[in-house]
Amino acid sequence: MKTRTLSFLFLGMLLVSSLSGCSNPEAAKSPSFDEVLMSRRSVRSYDPTRKISRDEVRALLTAAQEAPSWANQQPSKYYVAISEEALAAVQNLVGGNKERISGAPVLIVSAFERGKSGFFRGQQTNEVGDGWGAFDNGLSNAYLVLQARAMGFDTLIMGMRDADGLRQYFSIPENETIMAVIALGYRAAEPNHPEHRALDDIVHFF
């Protein structure tokens, strides 16, 4: 009798949990990987009324740390502008993109440490050299923008940036190469789906 009572109690708890989940509009289903790939866009207009917390940025960058890197050197470094002062400073250092990202609540400077990826015991392993650091930083940024989309955010990777100004503002060491500034926020409008090259233009089977 005791076992039957516990069984009914457990089923009742499951039912309550199920009903409460159905009535909660925030309990949205996580997107599939294909949905993340197809919905990620380079967004050039952000909703200034929607904010992103420091904890959400930390979760995002924790996911970016899962990206592979040369001998697990993990050369990527990130400098996050989230205060009004820092955002204003970085907005003035991204050239013609300033107006496009004015509503983004977070701007992330992406860099990598030279002399790590592509090196073994201090010696360059092949002709690519520190290009492997840029490669690893690109992988980390790819994880970042995909995880951002999975969390409902949007991004824009900007190569137009004043590296000297960014280095000075964030006190970025001289042994780090500044690659890009990444805007993070919520899209203000649906971006267009760009056309892609034919697969046979970029893939060669032998």
N, C-alpha and C. Protein backbone atom coordinates (compact mmCIF):
# COMPACT_ATOMS: atom_id res chain seq x y z
N MET A 1 0.84 -1.20 0.00
CA MET A 1 0.00 0.00 0.00
C MET A 1 0.88 1.25 0.00
N LYS A 2 1.93 1.20 0.77
CA LYS A 2 2.84 2.34 0.84
C LYS A 2 3.50 2.59 -0.51
N THR A 3 3.90 1.50 -1.21
CA THR A 3 4.53 1.62 -2.53
C THR A 3 3.59 2.24 -3.53
N ARG A 4 2.26 1.81 -3.49
CA ARG A 4 1.28 2.36 -4.42
C ARG A 4 1.06 3.85 -4.16
N THR A 5 1.04 4.26 -2.88
CA THR A 5 0.87 5.68 -2.55
C THR A 5 2.02 6.51 -3.09
N LEU A 6 3.24 6.00 -2.93
CA LEU A 6 4.40 6.72 -3.43
C LEU A 6 4.37 6.82 -4.95
N SER A 7 3.88 5.78 -5.63
CA SER A 7 3.79 5.80 -7.09
C SER A 7 2.82 6.87 -7.55
N PHE A 8 1.64 6.94 -6.89
CA PHE A 8 0.66 7.97 -7.25
C PHE A 8 1.22 9.37 -6.99
N LEU A 9 1.95 9.52 -5.89
CA LEU A 9 2.54 10.81 -5.57
C LEU A 9 3.55 11.24 -6.63
N PHE A 10 4.37 10.28 -7.09
CA PHE A 10 5.37 10.58 -8.12
C PHE A 10 4.71 10.97 -9.43
N LEU A 11 3.65 10.23 -9.81
CA LEU A 11 2.93 10.56 -11.05
C LEU A 11 2.29 11.93 -10.96
N GLY A 12 1.76 12.25 -9.76
CA GLY A 12 1.16 13.57 -9.58
C GLY A 12 2.18 14.69 -9.73
N MET A 13 3.38 14.47 -9.21
CA MET A 13 4.44 15.46 -9.34
C MET A 13 4.83 15.66 -10.79
N LEU A 14 4.91 14.55 -11.54
CA LEU A 14 5.22 14.65 -12.96
C LEU A 14 4.16 15.44 -13.71
N LEU A 15 2.89 15.19 -13.37
CA LEU A 15 1.79 15.89 -14.05
C LEU A 15 1.85 17.39 -13.77
N VAL A 16 2.06 17.75 -12.50
CA VAL A 16 2.15 19.17 -12.15
C VAL A 16 3.31 19.83 -12.86
N SER A 17 4.45 19.13 -12.91
CA SER A 17 5.62 19.68 -13.58
C SER A 17 5.36 19.89 -15.05
N SER A 18 4.67 18.91 -15.68
CA SER A 18 4.36 19.01 -17.10
C SER A 18 3.42 20.17 -17.39
N LEU A 19 2.38 20.31 -16.56
CA LEU A 19 1.41 21.37 -16.78
C LEU A 19 2.03 22.75 -16.57
N SER A 20 2.87 22.86 -15.54
CA SER A 20 3.49 24.16 -15.28
C SER A 20 4.44 24.54 -16.41
N GLY A 21 5.12 23.53 -17.00
CA GLY A 21 5.99 23.81 -18.13
C GLY A 21 5.22 24.26 -19.34
N CYS A 22 4.05 23.67 -19.58
CA CYS A 22 3.25 24.04 -20.74
C CYS A 22 2.69 25.44 -20.61
N SER A 23 2.43 25.89 -19.38
CA SER A 23 1.82 27.19 -19.20
C SER A 23 2.84 28.31 -19.14
N ASN A 24 4.12 27.95 -19.14
CA ASN A 24 5.19 28.94 -19.04
C ASN A 24 5.68 29.32 -20.43
N PRO A 25 5.39 30.54 -20.90
CA PRO A 25 5.81 30.92 -22.24
C PRO A 25 7.31 31.03 -22.38
N GLU A 26 8.05 31.17 -21.26
CA GLU A 26 9.49 31.28 -21.32
C GLU A 26 10.17 29.92 -21.51
N ALA A 27 9.43 28.84 -21.29
CA ALA A 27 10.00 27.50 -21.38
C ALA A 27 10.05 27.05 -22.83
N ALA A 28 10.80 27.75 -23.64
CA ALA A 28 10.88 27.46 -25.07
C ALA A 28 11.84 26.30 -25.31
N LYS A 29 11.56 25.56 -26.37
CA LYS A 29 12.42 24.44 -26.73
C LYS A 29 13.72 24.96 -27.32
N SER A 30 14.82 24.34 -26.93
CA SER A 30 16.11 24.74 -27.47
C SER A 30 16.15 24.48 -28.96
N PRO A 31 16.77 25.39 -29.74
CA PRO A 31 16.82 25.19 -31.18
C PRO A 31 17.76 24.03 -31.54
N SER A 32 17.48 23.38 -32.66
CA SER A 32 18.38 22.34 -33.15
C SER A 32 19.62 23.01 -33.75
N PHE A 33 20.65 22.22 -33.99
CA PHE A 33 21.87 22.77 -34.56
C PHE A 33 21.59 23.32 -35.96
N ASP A 34 20.77 22.62 -36.74
CA ASP A 34 20.41 23.12 -38.07
C ASP A 34 19.69 24.46 -37.98
N GLU A 35 18.80 24.61 -36.99
CA GLU A 35 18.09 25.88 -36.81
C GLU A 35 19.05 27.00 -36.46
N VAL A 36 20.06 26.68 -35.65
CA VAL A 36 21.06 27.69 -35.30
C VAL A 36 21.83 28.12 -36.55
N LEU A 37 22.26 27.14 -37.35
CA LEU A 37 23.01 27.45 -38.56
C LEU A 37 22.20 28.30 -39.54
N MET A 38 20.94 27.94 -39.73
CA MET A 38 20.12 28.61 -40.73
C MET A 38 19.63 29.98 -40.28
N SER A 39 19.56 30.22 -38.98
CA SER A 39 19.03 31.50 -38.50
C SER A 39 20.12 32.50 -38.13
N ARG A 40 21.38 32.03 -38.03
CA ARG A 40 22.46 32.96 -37.71
C ARG A 40 22.73 33.88 -38.90
N ARG A 41 22.80 35.15 -38.62
CA ARG A 41 23.08 36.14 -39.66
C ARG A 41 24.02 37.21 -39.10
N SER A 42 24.69 37.92 -39.99
CA SER A 42 25.44 39.10 -39.60
C SER A 42 24.44 40.24 -39.49
N VAL A 43 24.15 40.63 -38.26
CA VAL A 43 23.07 41.60 -38.00
C VAL A 43 23.65 43.00 -37.85
N ARG A 44 23.05 43.94 -38.58
CA ARG A 44 23.55 45.32 -38.61
C ARG A 44 22.54 46.32 -38.07
N SER A 45 21.60 45.84 -37.27
CA SER A 45 20.62 46.72 -36.63
C SER A 45 20.14 46.02 -35.37
N TYR A 46 20.33 46.68 -34.19
CA TYR A 46 20.05 46.05 -32.90
C TYR A 46 18.98 46.80 -32.12
N ASP A 47 18.21 46.02 -31.35
CA ASP A 47 17.15 46.57 -30.50
C ASP A 47 17.78 47.16 -29.24
N PRO A 48 17.78 48.49 -29.07
CA PRO A 48 18.45 49.11 -27.93
C PRO A 48 17.72 48.89 -26.60
N THR A 49 16.49 48.39 -26.64
CA THR A 49 15.72 48.21 -25.40
C THR A 49 16.01 46.87 -24.74
N ARG A 50 16.71 45.96 -25.43
CA ARG A 50 16.95 44.62 -24.88
C ARG A 50 18.41 44.49 -24.46
N LYS A 51 18.63 44.10 -23.22
CA LYS A 51 19.97 44.02 -22.65
C LYS A 51 20.42 42.57 -22.51
N ILE A 52 21.71 42.41 -22.29
CA ILE A 52 22.33 41.10 -22.06
C ILE A 52 23.17 41.22 -20.80
N SER A 53 23.02 40.27 -19.89
CA SER A 53 23.70 40.36 -18.60
C SER A 53 25.15 39.88 -18.68
N ARG A 54 25.92 40.27 -17.68
CA ARG A 54 27.30 39.80 -17.57
C ARG A 54 27.35 38.28 -17.47
N ASP A 55 26.41 37.68 -16.71
CA ASP A 55 26.38 36.23 -16.56
C ASP A 55 26.10 35.54 -17.90
N GLU A 56 25.23 36.13 -18.71
CA GLU A 56 24.95 35.55 -20.03
C GLU A 56 26.18 35.61 -20.93
N VAL A 57 26.93 36.70 -20.84
CA VAL A 57 28.16 36.82 -21.63
C VAL A 57 29.18 35.79 -21.15
N ARG A 58 29.26 35.59 -19.86
CA ARG A 58 30.19 34.58 -19.33
C ARG A 58 29.81 33.18 -19.81
N ALA A 59 28.52 32.87 -19.84
CA ALA A 59 28.07 31.56 -20.34
C ALA A 59 28.43 31.40 -21.81
N LEU A 60 28.26 32.47 -22.56
CA LEU A 60 28.58 32.46 -23.98
C LEU A 60 30.07 32.20 -24.21
N LEU A 61 30.92 32.91 -23.49
CA LEU A 61 32.36 32.75 -23.67
C LEU A 61 32.87 31.43 -23.10
N THR A 62 32.17 30.88 -22.13
CA THR A 62 32.51 29.53 -21.64
C THR A 62 32.32 28.51 -22.75
N ALA A 63 31.25 28.68 -23.54
CA ALA A 63 31.01 27.79 -24.68
C ALA A 63 32.09 27.98 -25.74
N ALA A 64 32.53 29.22 -25.95
CA ALA A 64 33.58 29.49 -26.94
C ALA A 64 34.88 28.81 -26.56
N GLN A 65 35.10 28.60 -25.26
CA GLN A 65 36.32 27.93 -24.80
C GLN A 65 36.38 26.46 -25.23
N GLU A 66 35.24 25.90 -25.64
CA GLU A 66 35.21 24.50 -26.07
C GLU A 66 35.76 24.32 -27.48
N ALA A 67 36.05 25.41 -28.18
CA ALA A 67 36.58 25.30 -29.54
C ALA A 67 37.95 24.64 -29.52
N PRO A 68 38.27 23.85 -30.55
CA PRO A 68 39.60 23.23 -30.61
C PRO A 68 40.68 24.27 -30.89
N SER A 69 41.90 23.98 -30.45
CA SER A 69 43.04 24.85 -30.75
C SER A 69 44.30 24.00 -30.83
N TRP A 70 45.32 24.56 -31.45
CA TRP A 70 46.59 23.88 -31.66
C TRP A 70 47.15 23.41 -30.31
N ALA A 71 47.30 22.07 -30.16
CA ALA A 71 47.85 21.48 -28.93
C ALA A 71 47.18 22.04 -27.68
N ASN A 72 45.90 22.38 -27.82
CA ASN A 72 45.12 22.95 -26.71
C ASN A 72 45.79 24.19 -26.11
N GLN A 73 46.40 25.00 -26.97
CA GLN A 73 47.08 26.21 -26.48
C GLN A 73 46.11 27.30 -26.07
N GLN A 74 44.89 27.26 -26.62
CA GLN A 74 43.84 28.23 -26.26
C GLN A 74 44.37 29.67 -26.31
N PRO A 75 44.77 30.15 -27.49
CA PRO A 75 45.38 31.48 -27.58
C PRO A 75 44.39 32.64 -27.56
N SER A 76 43.09 32.35 -27.72
CA SER A 76 42.11 33.44 -27.84
C SER A 76 41.92 34.19 -26.53
N LYS A 77 41.79 35.51 -26.64
CA LYS A 77 41.52 36.37 -25.50
C LYS A 77 40.35 37.29 -25.88
N TYR A 78 39.53 37.64 -24.88
CA TYR A 78 38.36 38.47 -25.14
C TYR A 78 38.29 39.62 -24.14
N TYR A 79 37.97 40.81 -24.66
CA TYR A 79 37.82 42.02 -23.85
C TYR A 79 36.40 42.53 -24.09
N VAL A 80 35.61 42.57 -23.02
CA VAL A 80 34.17 42.80 -23.14
C VAL A 80 33.79 44.20 -22.71
N ALA A 81 33.19 44.94 -23.63
CA ALA A 81 32.63 46.26 -23.31
C ALA A 81 31.14 46.08 -23.02
N ILE A 82 30.76 46.34 -21.75
CA ILE A 82 29.36 46.17 -21.36
C ILE A 82 28.83 47.39 -20.60
N SER A 83 29.72 48.20 -20.07
CA SER A 83 29.30 49.44 -19.41
C SER A 83 29.05 50.51 -20.48
N GLU A 84 28.28 51.52 -20.13
CA GLU A 84 27.99 52.58 -21.09
C GLU A 84 29.25 53.28 -21.55
N GLU A 85 30.16 53.50 -20.63
CA GLU A 85 31.43 54.17 -20.97
C GLU A 85 32.24 53.36 -21.96
N ALA A 86 32.38 52.05 -21.68
CA ALA A 86 33.17 51.18 -22.56
C ALA A 86 32.50 51.02 -23.92
N LEU A 87 31.19 50.89 -23.94
CA LEU A 87 30.47 50.76 -25.21
C LEU A 87 30.69 51.99 -26.09
N ALA A 88 30.58 53.17 -25.48
CA ALA A 88 30.77 54.41 -26.23
C ALA A 88 32.18 54.48 -26.79
N ALA A 89 33.15 54.05 -26.00
CA ALA A 89 34.54 54.09 -26.45
C ALA A 89 34.77 53.17 -27.64
N VAL A 90 34.26 51.95 -27.56
CA VAL A 90 34.46 50.98 -28.64
C VAL A 90 33.68 51.37 -29.89
N GLN A 91 32.48 51.92 -29.72
CA GLN A 91 31.70 52.36 -30.87
C GLN A 91 32.47 53.37 -31.72
N ASN A 92 33.31 54.16 -31.08
CA ASN A 92 34.10 55.15 -31.80
C ASN A 92 35.34 54.56 -32.45
N LEU A 93 35.53 53.24 -32.31
CA LEU A 93 36.74 52.59 -32.83
C LEU A 93 36.44 51.52 -33.86
N VAL A 94 35.21 51.52 -34.41
CA VAL A 94 34.83 50.49 -35.40
C VAL A 94 34.48 51.10 -36.75
N GLY A 95 34.98 52.26 -37.03
CA GLY A 95 34.81 52.87 -38.34
C GLY A 95 33.35 53.06 -38.73
N GLY A 96 33.05 52.68 -39.98
CA GLY A 96 31.71 52.90 -40.52
C GLY A 96 30.62 52.05 -39.91
N ASN A 97 30.99 51.11 -39.05
CA ASN A 97 29.97 50.26 -38.40
C ASN A 97 29.36 50.91 -37.16
N LYS A 98 29.84 52.09 -36.78
CA LYS A 98 29.39 52.71 -35.53
C LYS A 98 27.87 52.80 -35.43
N GLU A 99 27.22 53.32 -36.45
CA GLU A 99 25.77 53.49 -36.40
C GLU A 99 25.04 52.15 -36.45
N ARG A 100 25.62 51.19 -37.16
CA ARG A 100 24.97 49.89 -37.30
C ARG A 100 24.88 49.14 -35.98
N ILE A 101 25.85 49.35 -35.12
CA ILE A 101 25.89 48.58 -33.86
C ILE A 101 25.58 49.45 -32.65
N SER A 102 25.02 50.61 -32.89
CA SER A 102 24.76 51.55 -31.79
C SER A 102 23.79 50.98 -30.75
N GLY A 103 22.89 50.08 -31.14
CA GLY A 103 21.93 49.51 -30.19
C GLY A 103 22.40 48.24 -29.52
N ALA A 104 23.58 47.73 -29.88
CA ALA A 104 24.07 46.48 -29.29
C ALA A 104 24.51 46.72 -27.85
N PRO A 105 24.03 45.91 -26.90
CA PRO A 105 24.37 46.12 -25.49
C PRO A 105 25.74 45.57 -25.07
N VAL A 106 26.40 44.82 -25.98
CA VAL A 106 27.71 44.24 -25.66
C VAL A 106 28.58 44.31 -26.91
N LEU A 107 29.83 44.69 -26.73
CA LEU A 107 30.83 44.67 -27.81
C LEU A 107 32.05 43.91 -27.29
N ILE A 108 32.49 42.92 -28.05
CA ILE A 108 33.56 42.03 -27.59
C ILE A 108 34.76 42.15 -28.53
N VAL A 109 35.91 42.48 -27.97
CA VAL A 109 37.15 42.54 -28.74
C VAL A 109 37.80 41.16 -28.70
N SER A 110 38.07 40.62 -29.88
CA SER A 110 38.65 39.29 -30.01
C SER A 110 40.12 39.41 -30.40
N ALA A 111 40.99 38.70 -29.66
CA ALA A 111 42.43 38.75 -29.92
C ALA A 111 43.04 37.37 -29.68
N PHE A 112 44.32 37.22 -30.06
CA PHE A 112 45.00 35.96 -29.75
C PHE A 112 46.45 36.23 -29.38
N GLU A 113 46.99 35.37 -28.53
CA GLU A 113 48.38 35.46 -28.10
C GLU A 113 49.29 34.86 -29.16
N ARG A 114 50.26 35.63 -29.62
CA ARG A 114 51.20 35.13 -30.61
C ARG A 114 52.22 34.18 -29.97
N GLY A 115 52.80 33.33 -30.81
CA GLY A 115 53.86 32.43 -30.35
C GLY A 115 53.37 31.19 -29.62
N LYS A 116 52.07 30.90 -29.69
CA LYS A 116 51.53 29.71 -29.03
C LYS A 116 51.06 28.70 -30.07
N SER A 117 49.96 28.97 -30.75
CA SER A 117 49.49 28.06 -31.79
C SER A 117 50.44 28.14 -32.98
N GLY A 118 50.86 26.97 -33.48
CA GLY A 118 51.81 26.92 -34.60
C GLY A 118 53.26 26.83 -34.16
N PHE A 119 53.47 26.69 -32.85
CA PHE A 119 54.83 26.64 -32.33
C PHE A 119 55.02 25.41 -31.44
N PHE A 120 56.26 24.92 -31.38
CA PHE A 120 56.61 23.81 -30.49
C PHE A 120 57.95 24.13 -29.85
N ARG A 121 57.96 24.21 -28.53
CA ARG A 121 59.16 24.56 -27.77
C ARG A 121 59.76 25.87 -28.29
N GLY A 122 58.87 26.81 -28.59
CA GLY A 122 59.31 28.14 -29.00
C GLY A 122 59.67 28.26 -30.47
N GLN A 123 59.65 27.16 -31.21
CA GLN A 123 60.02 27.18 -32.62
C GLN A 123 58.78 27.06 -33.50
N GLN A 124 58.75 27.86 -34.58
CA GLN A 124 57.64 27.80 -35.54
C GLN A 124 57.62 26.43 -36.19
N THR A 125 56.45 25.77 -36.19
CA THR A 125 56.35 24.40 -36.66
C THR A 125 56.29 24.30 -38.19
N ASN A 126 55.59 25.21 -38.85
CA ASN A 126 55.57 25.22 -40.31
C ASN A 126 55.45 26.65 -40.82
N GLU A 127 55.30 26.80 -42.14
CA GLU A 127 55.34 28.14 -42.73
C GLU A 127 54.19 29.03 -42.32
N VAL A 128 53.11 28.47 -41.76
CA VAL A 128 51.95 29.28 -41.37
C VAL A 128 52.24 30.10 -40.12
N GLY A 129 53.03 29.56 -39.22
CA GLY A 129 53.42 30.31 -38.03
C GLY A 129 52.25 30.81 -37.21
N ASP A 130 52.25 32.10 -36.89
CA ASP A 130 51.19 32.68 -36.07
C ASP A 130 49.84 32.71 -36.78
N GLY A 131 49.84 32.36 -38.07
CA GLY A 131 48.55 32.22 -38.76
C GLY A 131 47.68 31.17 -38.08
N TRP A 132 48.31 30.21 -37.39
CA TRP A 132 47.54 29.22 -36.66
C TRP A 132 46.84 29.85 -35.46
N GLY A 133 47.42 30.90 -34.90
CA GLY A 133 46.75 31.61 -33.81
C GLY A 133 45.49 32.29 -34.32
N ALA A 134 45.58 32.91 -35.51
CA ALA A 134 44.41 33.52 -36.12
C ALA A 134 43.37 32.46 -36.47
N PHE A 135 43.84 31.31 -36.94
CA PHE A 135 42.94 30.19 -37.26
C PHE A 135 42.19 29.75 -36.01
N ASP A 136 42.91 29.55 -34.91
CA ASP A 136 42.28 29.12 -33.66
C ASP A 136 41.32 30.17 -33.13
N ASN A 137 41.69 31.44 -33.27
CA ASN A 137 40.81 32.52 -32.84
C ASN A 137 39.53 32.52 -33.66
N GLY A 138 39.65 32.24 -34.97
CA GLY A 138 38.46 32.14 -35.81
C GLY A 138 37.55 31.00 -35.40
N LEU A 139 38.15 29.85 -35.02
CA LEU A 139 37.34 28.73 -34.54
C LEU A 139 36.60 29.12 -33.26
N SER A 140 37.30 29.77 -32.35
CA SER A 140 36.68 30.21 -31.10
C SER A 140 35.55 31.19 -31.37
N ASN A 141 35.77 32.12 -32.31
CA ASN A 141 34.72 33.08 -32.66
C ASN A 141 33.53 32.40 -33.31
N ALA A 142 33.78 31.34 -34.09
CA ALA A 142 32.68 30.60 -34.71
C ALA A 142 31.81 29.96 -33.63
N TYR A 143 32.46 29.36 -32.62
CA TYR A 143 31.69 28.80 -31.50
C TYR A 143 30.90 29.91 -30.81
N LEU A 144 31.52 31.07 -30.67
CA LEU A 144 30.88 32.19 -29.98
C LEU A 144 29.60 32.62 -30.69
N VAL A 145 29.68 32.84 -32.01
CA VAL A 145 28.51 33.35 -32.72
C VAL A 145 27.41 32.30 -32.82
N LEU A 146 27.79 31.02 -32.90
CA LEU A 146 26.78 29.96 -32.96
C LEU A 146 26.09 29.79 -31.60
N GLN A 147 26.87 29.81 -30.54
CA GLN A 147 26.27 29.72 -29.20
C GLN A 147 25.40 30.94 -28.93
N ALA A 148 25.84 32.10 -29.41
CA ALA A 148 25.03 33.31 -29.24
C ALA A 148 23.67 33.13 -29.89
N ARG A 149 23.64 32.59 -31.09
CA ARG A 149 22.35 32.38 -31.78
C ARG A 149 21.52 31.34 -31.03
N ALA A 150 22.15 30.30 -30.51
CA ALA A 150 21.42 29.28 -29.75
C ALA A 150 20.77 29.89 -28.51
N MET A 151 21.38 30.95 -27.95
CA MET A 151 20.85 31.62 -26.77
C MET A 151 19.85 32.72 -27.14
N GLY A 152 19.60 32.89 -28.45
CA GLY A 152 18.64 33.89 -28.90
C GLY A 152 19.25 35.24 -29.23
N PHE A 153 20.60 35.34 -29.22
CA PHE A 153 21.28 36.60 -29.50
C PHE A 153 21.68 36.68 -30.97
N ASP A 154 22.14 37.85 -31.37
CA ASP A 154 22.65 38.06 -32.72
C ASP A 154 24.01 38.72 -32.65
N THR A 155 24.78 38.62 -33.74
CA THR A 155 26.16 39.08 -33.73
C THR A 155 26.54 39.72 -35.06
N LEU A 156 27.63 40.48 -35.00
CA LEU A 156 28.27 41.01 -36.20
C LEU A 156 29.77 41.03 -35.93
N ILE A 157 30.53 40.32 -36.74
CA ILE A 157 31.99 40.31 -36.62
C ILE A 157 32.53 41.43 -37.50
N MET A 158 33.27 42.36 -36.89
CA MET A 158 33.75 43.54 -37.60
C MET A 158 35.26 43.55 -37.70
N GLY A 159 35.75 43.57 -38.93
CA GLY A 159 37.19 43.66 -39.16
C GLY A 159 37.66 45.10 -39.23
N MET A 160 36.73 46.04 -39.47
CA MET A 160 37.08 47.46 -39.45
C MET A 160 37.15 47.91 -38.00
N ARG A 161 38.35 48.17 -37.51
CA ARG A 161 38.52 48.59 -36.12
C ARG A 161 39.87 49.27 -35.96
N ASP A 162 39.96 50.15 -35.03
CA ASP A 162 41.20 50.86 -34.71
C ASP A 162 41.94 50.03 -33.66
N ALA A 163 42.87 49.19 -34.14
CA ALA A 163 43.56 48.28 -33.22
C ALA A 163 44.36 49.04 -32.16
N ASP A 164 45.01 50.11 -32.57
CA ASP A 164 45.82 50.88 -31.60
C ASP A 164 44.92 51.49 -30.52
N GLY A 165 43.77 52.02 -30.94
CA GLY A 165 42.85 52.60 -29.96
C GLY A 165 42.31 51.56 -29.01
N LEU A 166 41.97 50.39 -29.52
CA LEU A 166 41.46 49.31 -28.68
C LEU A 166 42.54 48.82 -27.71
N ARG A 167 43.75 48.69 -28.22
CA ARG A 167 44.86 48.23 -27.36
C ARG A 167 45.07 49.19 -26.20
N GLN A 168 45.01 50.48 -26.50
CA GLN A 168 45.22 51.46 -25.45
C GLN A 168 44.08 51.46 -24.45
N TYR A 169 42.82 51.40 -24.93
CA TYR A 169 41.68 51.48 -24.02
C TYR A 169 41.62 50.28 -23.08
N PHE A 170 41.85 49.07 -23.62
CA PHE A 170 41.72 47.85 -22.82
C PHE A 170 43.05 47.38 -22.23
N SER A 171 44.13 48.12 -22.48
CA SER A 171 45.46 47.72 -22.00
C SER A 171 45.81 46.31 -22.50
N ILE A 172 45.61 46.08 -23.78
CA ILE A 172 45.88 44.78 -24.38
C ILE A 172 47.38 44.64 -24.60
N PRO A 173 48.00 43.57 -24.11
CA PRO A 173 49.45 43.40 -24.23
C PRO A 173 49.93 43.39 -25.68
N GLU A 174 51.17 43.77 -25.89
CA GLU A 174 51.73 43.85 -27.23
C GLU A 174 51.90 42.48 -27.88
N ASN A 175 51.94 41.41 -27.08
CA ASN A 175 52.10 40.08 -27.67
C ASN A 175 50.78 39.47 -28.13
N GLU A 176 49.70 40.27 -28.08
CA GLU A 176 48.40 39.80 -28.57
C GLU A 176 48.02 40.55 -29.85
N THR A 177 47.57 39.81 -30.85
CA THR A 177 47.08 40.40 -32.09
C THR A 177 45.58 40.60 -32.00
N ILE A 178 45.13 41.82 -32.22
CA ILE A 178 43.70 42.12 -32.19
C ILE A 178 43.10 41.76 -33.54
N MET A 179 42.08 40.90 -33.52
CA MET A 179 41.50 40.42 -34.77
C MET A 179 40.22 41.16 -35.14
N ALA A 180 39.25 41.23 -34.24
CA ALA A 180 37.93 41.75 -34.61
C ALA A 180 37.21 42.29 -33.39
N VAL A 181 36.16 43.04 -33.66
CA VAL A 181 35.19 43.43 -32.63
C VAL A 181 33.87 42.75 -32.99
N ILE A 182 33.26 42.10 -32.01
CA ILE A 182 32.02 41.36 -32.25
C ILE A 182 30.88 42.04 -31.50
N ALA A 183 29.88 42.51 -32.25
CA ALA A 183 28.69 43.09 -31.62
C ALA A 183 27.78 41.95 -31.17
N LEU A 184 27.15 42.12 -30.01
CA LEU A 184 26.26 41.11 -29.45
C LEU A 184 24.98 41.79 -28.97
N GLY A 185 23.84 41.31 -29.44
CA GLY A 185 22.57 41.90 -29.03
C GLY A 185 21.40 41.15 -29.65
N TYR A 186 20.28 41.86 -29.79
CA TYR A 186 19.07 41.29 -30.39
C TYR A 186 18.74 42.04 -31.67
N ARG A 187 18.46 41.31 -32.74
CA ARG A 187 18.15 41.94 -34.01
C ARG A 187 16.91 42.82 -33.90
N ALA A 188 16.99 43.99 -34.56
CA ALA A 188 15.85 44.91 -34.59
C ALA A 188 14.93 44.60 -35.76
N ALA A 189 15.43 43.87 -36.75
CA ALA A 189 14.64 43.48 -37.92
C ALA A 189 15.23 42.20 -38.48
N GLU A 190 14.44 41.50 -39.28
CA GLU A 190 14.91 40.25 -39.87
C GLU A 190 15.89 40.54 -41.00
N PRO A 191 17.12 40.05 -40.90
CA PRO A 191 18.11 40.28 -41.96
C PRO A 191 17.84 39.39 -43.17
N ASN A 192 18.37 39.78 -44.31
CA ASN A 192 18.21 38.97 -45.52
C ASN A 192 19.08 37.72 -45.46
N HIS A 193 18.66 36.71 -46.21
CA HIS A 193 19.45 35.49 -46.33
C HIS A 193 20.37 35.64 -47.54
N PRO A 194 21.69 35.73 -47.33
CA PRO A 194 22.60 35.94 -48.46
C PRO A 194 22.72 34.70 -49.34
N GLU A 195 23.01 34.93 -50.61
CA GLU A 195 23.26 33.81 -51.51
C GLU A 195 24.66 33.27 -51.27
N HIS A 196 24.81 31.97 -51.48
CA HIS A 196 26.11 31.34 -51.31
C HIS A 196 26.61 30.79 -52.64
N ARG A 197 27.90 30.68 -52.75
CA ARG A 197 28.49 30.11 -53.96
C ARG A 197 28.04 28.67 -54.13
N ALA A 198 28.04 28.22 -55.37
CA ALA A 198 27.70 26.82 -55.63
C ALA A 198 28.73 25.93 -54.93
N LEU A 199 28.28 24.83 -54.35
CA LEU A 199 29.16 23.96 -53.60
C LEU A 199 30.33 23.48 -54.45
N ASP A 200 30.07 23.19 -55.74
CA ASP A 200 31.13 22.69 -56.61
C ASP A 200 32.21 23.73 -56.89
N ASP A 201 31.93 25.00 -56.57
CA ASP A 201 32.94 26.04 -56.72
C ASP A 201 33.99 25.99 -55.61
N ILE A 202 33.64 25.40 -54.50
CA ILE A 202 34.56 25.41 -53.35
C ILE A 202 34.99 24.02 -52.90
N VAL A 203 34.36 22.97 -53.44
CA VAL A 203 34.66 21.60 -53.01
C VAL A 203 35.22 20.81 -54.19
N HIS A 204 36.31 20.10 -53.95
CA HIS A 204 36.94 19.29 -54.99
C HIS A 204 37.18 17.88 -54.44
N PHE A 205 36.59 16.89 -55.06
CA PHE A 205 36.76 15.49 -54.64
C PHE A 205 37.81 14.83 -55.53
N PHE A 206 38.67 14.01 -54.94
CA PHE A 206 39.69 13.28 -55.70
C PHE A 206 39.66 11.80 -55.35
